[in-house]
Amino acid sequence: MAIDHQILCITRTTHTDPHERIQKIGGLNSDGKRWGLTLDDAIEGIELDKWRFWTAGGGASVWVEIAKHNGRKYLKTVADGLHPDNLLALPDCP
């Protein structure tokens, strides 16, 4: 069964394409220590049902899902009507 984790920050690439702009995601463990995963590791963890990710934006929590663009997998939030995507609106990870 997948463990839920809140994404609090992202590390961006230099790409301007929104489908390629996230390089890493991060958050806090229950003990307050920071965690971080590469995009590929996060996607693999979702596919293996190891983790589920969510984030908050616009006063609501939204799940993160895998999407594909031009054959490349990326993460995005479930459609909630907010633009830009809630993930892209997160601050940079320290």
N, C-alpha and C. Protein backbone atom coordinates (compact mmCIF):
# COMPACT_ATOMS: atom_id res chain seq x y z
N MET A 1 0.83 -1.18 0.00
CA MET A 1 0.00 0.00 0.00
C MET A 1 0.88 1.25 0.00
N ALA A 2 0.52 2.20 -0.81
CA ALA A 2 1.31 3.40 -0.99
C ALA A 2 1.25 4.30 0.25
N ILE A 3 2.35 4.96 0.54
CA ILE A 3 2.45 5.92 1.64
C ILE A 3 2.29 7.32 1.05
N ASP A 4 1.45 8.12 1.69
CA ASP A 4 1.17 9.48 1.22
C ASP A 4 2.23 10.47 1.70
N HIS A 5 2.65 11.34 0.80
CA HIS A 5 3.63 12.39 1.12
C HIS A 5 3.19 13.70 0.49
N GLN A 6 3.30 14.77 1.26
CA GLN A 6 2.99 16.09 0.73
C GLN A 6 4.22 16.69 0.07
N ILE A 7 4.07 17.17 -1.14
CA ILE A 7 5.14 17.87 -1.84
C ILE A 7 5.04 19.34 -1.45
N LEU A 8 6.14 19.87 -0.89
CA LEU A 8 6.17 21.25 -0.42
C LEU A 8 7.04 22.15 -1.29
N CYS A 9 7.93 21.54 -2.09
CA CYS A 9 8.83 22.34 -2.91
C CYS A 9 9.27 21.53 -4.12
N ILE A 10 9.81 22.22 -5.10
CA ILE A 10 10.34 21.57 -6.31
C ILE A 10 11.68 22.19 -6.67
N THR A 11 12.46 21.46 -7.44
CA THR A 11 13.67 21.98 -8.06
C THR A 11 13.41 22.01 -9.54
N ARG A 12 13.56 23.18 -10.11
CA ARG A 12 13.24 23.38 -11.53
C ARG A 12 14.47 23.16 -12.41
N THR A 13 14.20 22.78 -13.65
CA THR A 13 15.25 22.73 -14.66
C THR A 13 15.25 24.09 -15.37
N THR A 14 16.07 24.21 -16.38
CA THR A 14 16.10 25.44 -17.15
C THR A 14 15.11 25.41 -18.31
N HIS A 15 14.39 24.30 -18.47
CA HIS A 15 13.42 24.18 -19.56
C HIS A 15 12.26 25.15 -19.35
N THR A 16 11.74 25.67 -20.42
CA THR A 16 10.56 26.52 -20.32
C THR A 16 9.28 25.73 -20.55
N ASP A 17 9.39 24.55 -21.11
CA ASP A 17 8.23 23.68 -21.33
C ASP A 17 7.71 23.21 -19.97
N PRO A 18 6.44 23.47 -19.63
CA PRO A 18 5.93 23.06 -18.32
C PRO A 18 5.97 21.56 -18.08
N HIS A 19 6.06 20.76 -19.13
CA HIS A 19 6.13 19.31 -18.98
C HIS A 19 7.53 18.84 -18.63
N GLU A 20 8.51 19.72 -18.68
CA GLU A 20 9.90 19.34 -18.41
C GLU A 20 10.56 20.23 -17.37
N ARG A 21 9.79 21.03 -16.65
CA ARG A 21 10.40 22.01 -15.76
C ARG A 21 10.74 21.49 -14.36
N ILE A 22 10.19 20.35 -13.95
CA ILE A 22 10.47 19.84 -12.61
C ILE A 22 11.55 18.77 -12.68
N GLN A 23 12.60 18.98 -11.89
CA GLN A 23 13.72 18.04 -11.84
C GLN A 23 13.62 17.17 -10.58
N LYS A 24 13.22 17.80 -9.45
CA LYS A 24 13.11 17.10 -8.17
C LYS A 24 11.91 17.63 -7.41
N ILE A 25 11.42 16.80 -6.47
CA ILE A 25 10.35 17.22 -5.57
C ILE A 25 10.85 17.03 -4.15
N GLY A 26 10.24 17.74 -3.20
CA GLY A 26 10.68 17.60 -1.81
C GLY A 26 9.58 17.92 -0.83
N GLY A 27 9.83 17.59 0.42
CA GLY A 27 8.88 17.84 1.48
C GLY A 27 9.52 17.58 2.83
N LEU A 28 8.69 17.35 3.84
CA LEU A 28 9.16 17.08 5.19
C LEU A 28 8.61 15.74 5.66
N ASN A 29 9.46 14.95 6.33
CA ASN A 29 9.01 13.73 6.98
C ASN A 29 8.28 14.09 8.26
N SER A 30 7.66 13.12 8.88
CA SER A 30 6.94 13.36 10.13
C SER A 30 7.86 13.82 11.25
N ASP A 31 9.16 13.51 11.15
CA ASP A 31 10.12 13.96 12.16
C ASP A 31 10.70 15.34 11.84
N GLY A 32 10.20 15.97 10.76
CA GLY A 32 10.66 17.31 10.40
C GLY A 32 11.88 17.35 9.49
N LYS A 33 12.45 16.19 9.19
CA LYS A 33 13.60 16.15 8.29
C LYS A 33 13.14 16.26 6.84
N ARG A 34 13.94 16.94 6.05
CA ARG A 34 13.62 17.12 4.64
C ARG A 34 13.85 15.84 3.85
N TRP A 35 13.00 15.62 2.86
CA TRP A 35 13.21 14.53 1.92
C TRP A 35 13.20 15.12 0.51
N GLY A 36 13.82 14.44 -0.41
CA GLY A 36 13.83 14.87 -1.80
C GLY A 36 13.98 13.68 -2.71
N LEU A 37 13.33 13.76 -3.85
CA LEU A 37 13.40 12.69 -4.84
C LEU A 37 13.56 13.29 -6.23
N THR A 38 14.31 12.60 -7.07
CA THR A 38 14.35 13.02 -8.46
C THR A 38 13.00 12.73 -9.09
N LEU A 39 12.72 13.38 -10.17
CA LEU A 39 11.46 13.16 -10.88
C LEU A 39 11.32 11.68 -11.25
N ASP A 40 12.37 11.09 -11.79
CA ASP A 40 12.31 9.68 -12.20
C ASP A 40 12.05 8.76 -11.02
N ASP A 41 12.69 9.02 -9.86
CA ASP A 41 12.46 8.18 -8.68
C ASP A 41 11.03 8.32 -8.18
N ALA A 42 10.49 9.54 -8.20
CA ALA A 42 9.11 9.76 -7.76
C ALA A 42 8.13 9.03 -8.67
N ILE A 43 8.35 9.12 -9.97
CA ILE A 43 7.47 8.43 -10.92
C ILE A 43 7.54 6.93 -10.72
N GLU A 44 8.73 6.39 -10.55
CA GLU A 44 8.88 4.96 -10.32
C GLU A 44 8.17 4.53 -9.03
N GLY A 45 8.30 5.33 -7.98
CA GLY A 45 7.63 5.02 -6.71
C GLY A 45 6.12 5.00 -6.83
N ILE A 46 5.57 5.92 -7.63
CA ILE A 46 4.12 5.94 -7.87
C ILE A 46 3.72 4.70 -8.65
N GLU A 47 4.47 4.38 -9.69
CA GLU A 47 4.14 3.23 -10.53
C GLU A 47 4.22 1.91 -9.76
N LEU A 48 5.13 1.84 -8.79
CA LEU A 48 5.28 0.63 -7.98
C LEU A 48 4.35 0.62 -6.77
N ASP A 49 3.48 1.63 -6.67
CA ASP A 49 2.54 1.77 -5.56
C ASP A 49 3.26 1.88 -4.22
N LYS A 50 4.45 2.50 -4.26
CA LYS A 50 5.23 2.73 -3.05
C LYS A 50 4.81 4.03 -2.38
N TRP A 51 4.54 5.07 -3.20
CA TRP A 51 4.18 6.38 -2.70
C TRP A 51 3.00 6.96 -3.47
N ARG A 52 2.26 7.84 -2.79
CA ARG A 52 1.29 8.73 -3.42
C ARG A 52 1.68 10.12 -2.97
N PHE A 53 1.58 11.09 -3.85
CA PHE A 53 1.96 12.45 -3.52
C PHE A 53 0.77 13.38 -3.67
N TRP A 54 0.76 14.42 -2.86
CA TRP A 54 -0.27 15.44 -2.92
C TRP A 54 0.37 16.79 -2.59
N THR A 55 -0.34 17.83 -2.91
CA THR A 55 0.10 19.17 -2.56
C THR A 55 -1.14 20.01 -2.31
N ALA A 56 -0.92 21.18 -1.77
CA ALA A 56 -2.04 22.07 -1.46
C ALA A 56 -1.92 23.33 -2.30
N GLY A 57 -3.06 23.85 -2.68
CA GLY A 57 -3.09 25.09 -3.44
C GLY A 57 -4.50 25.60 -3.57
N GLY A 58 -4.65 26.88 -3.51
CA GLY A 58 -5.98 27.46 -3.66
C GLY A 58 -6.94 27.03 -2.57
N GLY A 59 -6.39 26.70 -1.39
CA GLY A 59 -7.24 26.32 -0.27
C GLY A 59 -7.69 24.88 -0.27
N ALA A 60 -7.16 24.07 -1.18
CA ALA A 60 -7.56 22.66 -1.25
C ALA A 60 -6.34 21.77 -1.48
N SER A 61 -6.47 20.52 -1.10
CA SER A 61 -5.44 19.52 -1.36
C SER A 61 -5.74 18.82 -2.67
N VAL A 62 -4.71 18.55 -3.44
CA VAL A 62 -4.89 17.85 -4.72
C VAL A 62 -3.84 16.75 -4.86
N TRP A 63 -4.24 15.65 -5.46
CA TRP A 63 -3.33 14.54 -5.70
C TRP A 63 -2.43 14.85 -6.90
N VAL A 64 -1.28 14.23 -6.89
CA VAL A 64 -0.33 14.34 -7.99
C VAL A 64 -0.41 13.06 -8.80
N GLU A 65 -0.37 13.19 -10.12
CA GLU A 65 -0.46 12.03 -10.99
C GLU A 65 0.61 12.08 -12.06
N ILE A 66 0.82 10.95 -12.69
CA ILE A 66 1.77 10.85 -13.80
C ILE A 66 1.02 11.17 -15.09
N ALA A 67 1.64 11.98 -15.92
CA ALA A 67 1.11 12.28 -17.24
C ALA A 67 2.23 12.07 -18.25
N LYS A 68 1.89 12.08 -19.51
CA LYS A 68 2.88 11.88 -20.58
C LYS A 68 2.73 12.97 -21.61
N HIS A 69 3.85 13.50 -22.07
CA HIS A 69 3.87 14.50 -23.12
C HIS A 69 5.04 14.17 -24.04
N ASN A 70 4.76 14.00 -25.33
CA ASN A 70 5.80 13.64 -26.30
C ASN A 70 6.61 12.43 -25.85
N GLY A 71 5.91 11.45 -25.24
CA GLY A 71 6.55 10.21 -24.82
C GLY A 71 7.31 10.29 -23.51
N ARG A 72 7.38 11.47 -22.89
CA ARG A 72 8.11 11.63 -21.63
C ARG A 72 7.13 11.77 -20.48
N LYS A 73 7.38 11.00 -19.40
CA LYS A 73 6.52 11.07 -18.22
C LYS A 73 6.90 12.28 -17.37
N TYR A 74 5.89 12.88 -16.76
CA TYR A 74 6.12 14.00 -15.84
C TYR A 74 5.03 13.96 -14.78
N LEU A 75 5.17 14.78 -13.75
CA LEU A 75 4.17 14.86 -12.69
C LEU A 75 3.33 16.11 -12.85
N LYS A 76 2.06 15.96 -12.53
CA LYS A 76 1.15 17.11 -12.53
C LYS A 76 0.07 16.84 -11.49
N THR A 77 -0.62 17.89 -11.11
CA THR A 77 -1.72 17.69 -10.18
C THR A 77 -2.98 17.31 -10.96
N VAL A 78 -3.86 16.61 -10.28
CA VAL A 78 -5.16 16.31 -10.86
C VAL A 78 -5.83 17.64 -11.16
N ALA A 79 -6.49 17.74 -12.29
CA ALA A 79 -7.09 19.00 -12.71
C ALA A 79 -8.00 19.56 -11.63
N ASP A 80 -7.69 20.80 -11.22
CA ASP A 80 -8.51 21.46 -10.19
C ASP A 80 -8.87 22.88 -10.60
N GLY A 81 -8.57 23.24 -11.83
CA GLY A 81 -8.93 24.56 -12.32
C GLY A 81 -7.93 25.65 -12.01
N LEU A 82 -6.85 25.33 -11.28
CA LEU A 82 -5.85 26.34 -10.97
C LEU A 82 -4.77 26.36 -12.04
N HIS A 83 -4.35 27.55 -12.42
CA HIS A 83 -3.26 27.71 -13.38
C HIS A 83 -2.27 28.70 -12.80
N PRO A 84 -0.97 28.47 -12.82
CA PRO A 84 -0.37 27.25 -13.38
C PRO A 84 -0.63 26.05 -12.47
N ASP A 85 -0.18 24.91 -12.95
CA ASP A 85 -0.29 23.68 -12.18
C ASP A 85 0.22 23.94 -10.76
N ASN A 86 -0.46 23.37 -9.78
CA ASN A 86 -0.09 23.58 -8.38
C ASN A 86 1.38 23.26 -8.11
N LEU A 87 1.92 22.24 -8.75
CA LEU A 87 3.32 21.90 -8.54
C LEU A 87 4.24 23.01 -9.00
N LEU A 88 3.96 23.58 -10.15
CA LEU A 88 4.81 24.64 -10.67
C LEU A 88 4.70 25.91 -9.85
N ALA A 89 3.65 26.04 -9.05
CA ALA A 89 3.49 27.21 -8.19
C ALA A 89 4.23 27.06 -6.86
N LEU A 90 4.77 25.87 -6.57
CA LEU A 90 5.48 25.65 -5.31
C LEU A 90 6.83 26.37 -5.31
N PRO A 91 7.34 26.68 -4.11
CA PRO A 91 8.65 27.34 -4.04
C PRO A 91 9.77 26.36 -4.37
N ASP A 92 10.94 26.91 -4.62
CA ASP A 92 12.13 26.11 -4.86
C ASP A 92 12.57 25.41 -3.57
N CYS A 93 13.02 24.17 -3.70
CA CYS A 93 13.57 23.45 -2.54
C CYS A 93 14.90 24.08 -2.14
N PRO A 94 15.15 24.09 -0.82
CA PRO A 94 16.44 24.64 -0.35
C PRO A 94 17.59 23.74 -0.74
